Amino acid sequence: MTALTQVSQGNYVPTEGMKELLRRWFYLKFVQKKSTVELMATASDLRNKSALSIVALLDVDEQMISQVVGKKRLIFVQNCHAYLKGSVNPADLASGVSSNQYLDLS
């Protein structure tokens, strides 16, 4: 099991650390409206690239995602998307957190 996920009742769910990364990349992609290609060039490691990839997949139909990722990874992506859709408000991100936190990508 990686540090990015934890098993909960047979499903893969994002850890608090992954949730933080998901929020950061969501903010940069959808609030700051930066392109995925531009952001991927700034992602410093595999954890950040993975989180950014999951955020970018918000633009992709779930059926299409299921055709390119394995079942366990699909469950994890779905859980991450559910987290983002259910608890991330772009206005809260923009006003409640300093932009420096989001721009520190290391």
N, C-alpha and C. Protein backbone atom coordinates (compact mmCIF):
# COMPACT_ATOMS: atom_id res chain seq x y z
N MET A 1 0.85 -1.18 0.00
CA MET A 1 0.00 0.00 0.00
C MET A 1 0.89 1.24 0.00
N THR A 2 0.57 2.20 -0.83
CA THR A 2 1.39 3.41 -0.89
C THR A 2 0.92 4.42 0.14
N ALA A 3 1.71 5.45 0.29
CA ALA A 3 1.35 6.52 1.22
C ALA A 3 0.22 7.38 0.68
N LEU A 4 -0.17 7.18 -0.57
CA LEU A 4 -1.22 7.99 -1.17
C LEU A 4 -2.61 7.48 -0.84
N THR A 5 -2.72 6.20 -0.51
CA THR A 5 -4.04 5.62 -0.29
C THR A 5 -4.07 4.83 1.00
N GLN A 6 -5.26 4.62 1.48
CA GLN A 6 -5.46 3.72 2.61
C GLN A 6 -6.69 2.89 2.30
N VAL A 7 -6.71 1.68 2.77
CA VAL A 7 -7.84 0.81 2.49
C VAL A 7 -8.92 1.05 3.53
N SER A 8 -10.13 1.27 3.08
CA SER A 8 -11.26 1.46 3.96
C SER A 8 -12.43 0.66 3.41
N GLN A 9 -12.77 -0.41 4.08
CA GLN A 9 -13.86 -1.28 3.67
C GLN A 9 -13.70 -1.74 2.22
N GLY A 10 -12.49 -2.07 1.84
CA GLY A 10 -12.24 -2.60 0.51
C GLY A 10 -12.08 -1.56 -0.58
N ASN A 11 -12.25 -0.29 -0.26
CA ASN A 11 -12.10 0.77 -1.25
C ASN A 11 -10.83 1.56 -0.98
N TYR A 12 -10.27 2.11 -2.03
CA TYR A 12 -9.10 2.95 -1.88
C TYR A 12 -9.55 4.39 -1.76
N VAL A 13 -9.13 5.03 -0.68
CA VAL A 13 -9.52 6.42 -0.43
C VAL A 13 -8.25 7.26 -0.26
N PRO A 14 -8.32 8.53 -0.64
CA PRO A 14 -7.13 9.38 -0.51
C PRO A 14 -6.80 9.68 0.95
N THR A 15 -5.53 9.70 1.26
CA THR A 15 -5.08 10.10 2.60
C THR A 15 -5.20 11.61 2.72
N GLU A 16 -4.98 12.12 3.91
CA GLU A 16 -5.02 13.57 4.11
C GLU A 16 -3.95 14.26 3.26
N GLY A 17 -2.78 13.64 3.14
CA GLY A 17 -1.72 14.22 2.31
C GLY A 17 -2.14 14.31 0.84
N MET A 18 -2.80 13.27 0.35
CA MET A 18 -3.26 13.28 -1.04
C MET A 18 -4.37 14.30 -1.21
N LYS A 19 -5.25 14.41 -0.23
CA LYS A 19 -6.32 15.41 -0.31
C LYS A 19 -5.75 16.81 -0.44
N GLU A 20 -4.69 17.08 0.30
CA GLU A 20 -4.04 18.39 0.21
C GLU A 20 -3.49 18.63 -1.19
N LEU A 21 -2.84 17.61 -1.76
CA LEU A 21 -2.32 17.75 -3.12
C LEU A 21 -3.45 17.92 -4.13
N LEU A 22 -4.52 17.18 -3.97
CA LEU A 22 -5.66 17.30 -4.88
C LEU A 22 -6.23 18.73 -4.84
N ARG A 23 -6.36 19.28 -3.63
CA ARG A 23 -6.87 20.65 -3.50
C ARG A 23 -5.93 21.64 -4.18
N ARG A 24 -4.64 21.45 -3.98
CA ARG A 24 -3.64 22.36 -4.56
C ARG A 24 -3.75 22.36 -6.09
N TRP A 25 -3.74 21.17 -6.67
CA TRP A 25 -3.79 21.08 -8.13
C TRP A 25 -5.14 21.52 -8.67
N PHE A 26 -6.23 21.25 -7.96
CA PHE A 26 -7.55 21.71 -8.37
C PHE A 26 -7.55 23.24 -8.44
N TYR A 27 -7.00 23.86 -7.42
CA TYR A 27 -6.93 25.32 -7.38
C TYR A 27 -6.16 25.85 -8.59
N LEU A 28 -4.99 25.31 -8.84
CA LEU A 28 -4.17 25.81 -9.94
C LEU A 28 -4.83 25.56 -11.30
N LYS A 29 -5.46 24.40 -11.47
CA LYS A 29 -6.05 24.07 -12.77
C LYS A 29 -7.37 24.78 -13.00
N PHE A 30 -8.27 24.75 -12.02
CA PHE A 30 -9.62 25.24 -12.27
C PHE A 30 -9.89 26.65 -11.76
N VAL A 31 -9.17 27.10 -10.76
CA VAL A 31 -9.35 28.47 -10.27
C VAL A 31 -8.38 29.41 -10.99
N GLN A 32 -7.11 29.02 -11.02
CA GLN A 32 -6.11 29.82 -11.72
C GLN A 32 -6.12 29.58 -13.23
N LYS A 33 -6.84 28.54 -13.66
CA LYS A 33 -7.03 28.20 -15.08
C LYS A 33 -5.72 27.95 -15.83
N LYS A 34 -4.82 27.23 -15.17
CA LYS A 34 -3.56 26.85 -15.81
C LYS A 34 -3.77 25.53 -16.55
N SER A 35 -3.04 25.35 -17.63
CA SER A 35 -3.19 24.13 -18.42
C SER A 35 -2.52 22.95 -17.71
N THR A 36 -3.04 21.77 -18.00
CA THR A 36 -2.47 20.55 -17.42
C THR A 36 -1.01 20.39 -17.84
N VAL A 37 -0.71 20.68 -19.10
CA VAL A 37 0.66 20.55 -19.60
C VAL A 37 1.59 21.48 -18.82
N GLU A 38 1.17 22.72 -18.63
CA GLU A 38 1.98 23.68 -17.88
C GLU A 38 2.19 23.22 -16.44
N LEU A 39 1.14 22.73 -15.82
CA LEU A 39 1.24 22.28 -14.43
C LEU A 39 2.09 21.02 -14.31
N MET A 40 1.95 20.11 -15.25
CA MET A 40 2.73 18.87 -15.20
C MET A 40 4.22 19.17 -15.25
N ALA A 41 4.59 20.21 -15.97
CA ALA A 41 6.01 20.60 -16.05
C ALA A 41 6.52 21.10 -14.70
N THR A 42 5.62 21.56 -13.84
CA THR A 42 6.04 22.07 -12.53
C THR A 42 5.91 21.03 -11.42
N ALA A 43 5.24 19.92 -11.70
CA ALA A 43 5.06 18.88 -10.69
C ALA A 43 6.42 18.27 -10.35
N SER A 44 6.77 18.32 -9.09
CA SER A 44 8.13 17.99 -8.69
C SER A 44 8.42 16.50 -8.52
N ASP A 45 7.38 15.70 -8.31
CA ASP A 45 7.62 14.29 -8.06
C ASP A 45 6.40 13.47 -8.48
N LEU A 46 6.50 12.16 -8.31
CA LEU A 46 5.44 11.25 -8.73
C LEU A 46 4.14 11.50 -7.97
N ARG A 47 4.21 11.81 -6.68
CA ARG A 47 2.99 12.09 -5.90
C ARG A 47 2.23 13.27 -6.49
N ASN A 48 2.95 14.35 -6.79
CA ASN A 48 2.32 15.53 -7.36
C ASN A 48 1.78 15.25 -8.76
N LYS A 49 2.53 14.52 -9.55
CA LYS A 49 2.06 14.18 -10.91
C LYS A 49 0.82 13.30 -10.85
N SER A 50 0.78 12.38 -9.92
CA SER A 50 -0.37 11.52 -9.76
C SER A 50 -1.59 12.32 -9.35
N ALA A 51 -1.44 13.21 -8.38
CA ALA A 51 -2.56 14.05 -7.93
C ALA A 51 -3.05 14.95 -9.06
N LEU A 52 -2.13 15.55 -9.78
CA LEU A 52 -2.51 16.40 -10.90
C LEU A 52 -3.24 15.60 -11.97
N SER A 53 -2.77 14.41 -12.25
CA SER A 53 -3.43 13.57 -13.25
C SER A 53 -4.87 13.26 -12.84
N ILE A 54 -5.07 12.98 -11.58
CA ILE A 54 -6.42 12.70 -11.08
C ILE A 54 -7.30 13.93 -11.21
N VAL A 55 -6.77 15.09 -10.89
CA VAL A 55 -7.53 16.34 -11.03
C VAL A 55 -7.87 16.57 -12.50
N ALA A 56 -6.91 16.37 -13.38
CA ALA A 56 -7.15 16.58 -14.82
C ALA A 56 -8.22 15.64 -15.35
N LEU A 57 -8.33 14.46 -14.76
CA LEU A 57 -9.35 13.50 -15.20
C LEU A 57 -10.77 13.93 -14.84
N LEU A 58 -10.93 14.99 -14.06
CA LEU A 58 -12.27 15.52 -13.80
C LEU A 58 -12.95 15.94 -15.10
N ASP A 59 -12.16 16.25 -16.12
CA ASP A 59 -12.69 16.65 -17.42
C ASP A 59 -13.07 15.46 -18.30
N VAL A 60 -12.81 14.25 -17.83
CA VAL A 60 -12.99 13.05 -18.64
C VAL A 60 -14.16 12.24 -18.12
N ASP A 61 -14.97 11.73 -19.02
CA ASP A 61 -16.11 10.89 -18.67
C ASP A 61 -15.62 9.64 -17.92
N GLU A 62 -16.36 9.27 -16.89
CA GLU A 62 -15.96 8.12 -16.06
C GLU A 62 -15.83 6.83 -16.87
N GLN A 63 -16.68 6.65 -17.85
CA GLN A 63 -16.59 5.45 -18.69
C GLN A 63 -15.27 5.42 -19.45
N MET A 64 -14.83 6.56 -19.92
CA MET A 64 -13.54 6.62 -20.62
C MET A 64 -12.39 6.32 -19.66
N ILE A 65 -12.49 6.84 -18.46
CA ILE A 65 -11.44 6.59 -17.46
C ILE A 65 -11.34 5.09 -17.20
N SER A 66 -12.50 4.44 -17.09
CA SER A 66 -12.50 3.00 -16.79
C SER A 66 -11.85 2.17 -17.88
N GLN A 67 -11.73 2.72 -19.08
CA GLN A 67 -11.11 2.00 -20.19
C GLN A 67 -9.58 2.08 -20.16
N VAL A 68 -9.05 3.02 -19.38
CA VAL A 68 -7.59 3.20 -19.39
C VAL A 68 -6.90 2.95 -18.06
N VAL A 69 -7.67 2.74 -16.99
CA VAL A 69 -7.05 2.43 -15.70
C VAL A 69 -7.60 1.12 -15.17
N GLY A 70 -6.83 0.47 -14.36
CA GLY A 70 -7.26 -0.78 -13.74
C GLY A 70 -8.35 -0.53 -12.70
N LYS A 71 -8.98 -1.61 -12.25
CA LYS A 71 -10.12 -1.51 -11.35
C LYS A 71 -9.77 -0.82 -10.03
N LYS A 72 -8.66 -1.21 -9.41
CA LYS A 72 -8.28 -0.60 -8.14
C LYS A 72 -7.97 0.89 -8.31
N ARG A 73 -7.27 1.21 -9.38
CA ARG A 73 -6.94 2.62 -9.64
C ARG A 73 -8.21 3.40 -9.94
N LEU A 74 -9.16 2.79 -10.65
CA LEU A 74 -10.42 3.45 -10.96
C LEU A 74 -11.17 3.79 -9.68
N ILE A 75 -11.21 2.86 -8.74
CA ILE A 75 -11.88 3.11 -7.46
C ILE A 75 -11.21 4.29 -6.75
N PHE A 76 -9.89 4.32 -6.76
CA PHE A 76 -9.17 5.41 -6.12
C PHE A 76 -9.49 6.75 -6.80
N VAL A 77 -9.46 6.77 -8.13
CA VAL A 77 -9.77 7.99 -8.87
C VAL A 77 -11.20 8.44 -8.57
N GLN A 78 -12.13 7.52 -8.56
CA GLN A 78 -13.52 7.86 -8.25
C GLN A 78 -13.65 8.44 -6.85
N ASN A 79 -12.94 7.86 -5.89
CA ASN A 79 -12.97 8.38 -4.52
C ASN A 79 -12.37 9.78 -4.44
N CYS A 80 -11.29 10.00 -5.17
CA CYS A 80 -10.68 11.34 -5.21
C CYS A 80 -11.63 12.34 -5.84
N HIS A 81 -12.27 11.95 -6.93
CA HIS A 81 -13.22 12.85 -7.59
C HIS A 81 -14.41 13.15 -6.69
N ALA A 82 -14.90 12.14 -5.99
CA ALA A 82 -16.00 12.35 -5.06
C ALA A 82 -15.59 13.33 -3.96
N TYR A 83 -14.37 13.18 -3.46
CA TYR A 83 -13.86 14.10 -2.45
C TYR A 83 -13.84 15.52 -3.00
N LEU A 84 -13.26 15.69 -4.19
CA LEU A 84 -13.17 17.03 -4.77
C LEU A 84 -14.54 17.64 -5.03
N LYS A 85 -15.43 16.86 -5.59
CA LYS A 85 -16.77 17.37 -5.91
C LYS A 85 -17.57 17.67 -4.66
N GLY A 86 -17.33 16.91 -3.60
CA GLY A 86 -18.13 17.07 -2.39
C GLY A 86 -17.60 18.08 -1.40
N SER A 87 -16.33 18.40 -1.47
CA SER A 87 -15.80 19.23 -0.39
C SER A 87 -14.90 20.37 -0.82
N VAL A 88 -14.63 20.50 -2.11
CA VAL A 88 -13.75 21.58 -2.53
C VAL A 88 -14.57 22.65 -3.23
N ASN A 89 -14.56 23.82 -2.65
CA ASN A 89 -15.24 24.98 -3.21
C ASN A 89 -14.17 25.94 -3.69
N PRO A 90 -14.10 26.22 -5.00
CA PRO A 90 -13.04 27.11 -5.51
C PRO A 90 -12.99 28.45 -4.80
N ALA A 91 -14.13 29.01 -4.40
CA ALA A 91 -14.13 30.29 -3.71
C ALA A 91 -13.44 30.18 -2.35
N ASP A 92 -13.67 29.07 -1.65
CA ASP A 92 -13.01 28.86 -0.36
C ASP A 92 -11.51 28.72 -0.55
N LEU A 93 -11.11 28.00 -1.59
CA LEU A 93 -9.68 27.82 -1.84
C LEU A 93 -9.01 29.16 -2.13
N ALA A 94 -9.67 29.97 -2.92
CA ALA A 94 -9.08 31.25 -3.31
C ALA A 94 -9.00 32.23 -2.15
N SER A 95 -9.97 32.20 -1.24
CA SER A 95 -9.98 33.18 -0.16
C SER A 95 -9.41 32.67 1.15
N GLY A 96 -9.51 31.36 1.39
CA GLY A 96 -9.16 30.85 2.70
C GLY A 96 -7.74 30.36 2.85
N VAL A 97 -7.01 30.29 1.78
CA VAL A 97 -5.65 29.76 1.85
C VAL A 97 -4.74 30.67 1.05
N SER A 98 -3.59 30.97 1.59
CA SER A 98 -2.67 31.83 0.85
C SER A 98 -2.20 31.13 -0.42
N SER A 99 -2.02 31.90 -1.46
CA SER A 99 -1.60 31.33 -2.73
C SER A 99 -0.20 30.72 -2.62
N ASN A 100 0.58 31.18 -1.66
CA ASN A 100 1.92 30.61 -1.49
C ASN A 100 1.86 29.14 -1.17
N GLN A 101 0.86 28.71 -0.42
CA GLN A 101 0.73 27.29 -0.08
C GLN A 101 0.53 26.47 -1.35
N TYR A 102 -0.25 26.98 -2.28
CA TYR A 102 -0.51 26.25 -3.51
C TYR A 102 0.67 26.28 -4.47
N LEU A 103 1.45 27.34 -4.40
CA LEU A 103 2.56 27.47 -5.34
C LEU A 103 3.82 26.77 -4.88
N ASP A 104 3.87 26.34 -3.64
CA ASP A 104 5.01 25.57 -3.15
C ASP A 104 4.82 24.13 -3.57
N LEU A 105 5.33 23.79 -4.74
CA LEU A 105 5.07 22.49 -5.33
C LEU A 105 6.11 21.44 -5.02
N SER A 106 7.02 21.75 -4.16
CA SER A 106 8.07 20.76 -3.86
C SER A 106 7.61 19.74 -2.85
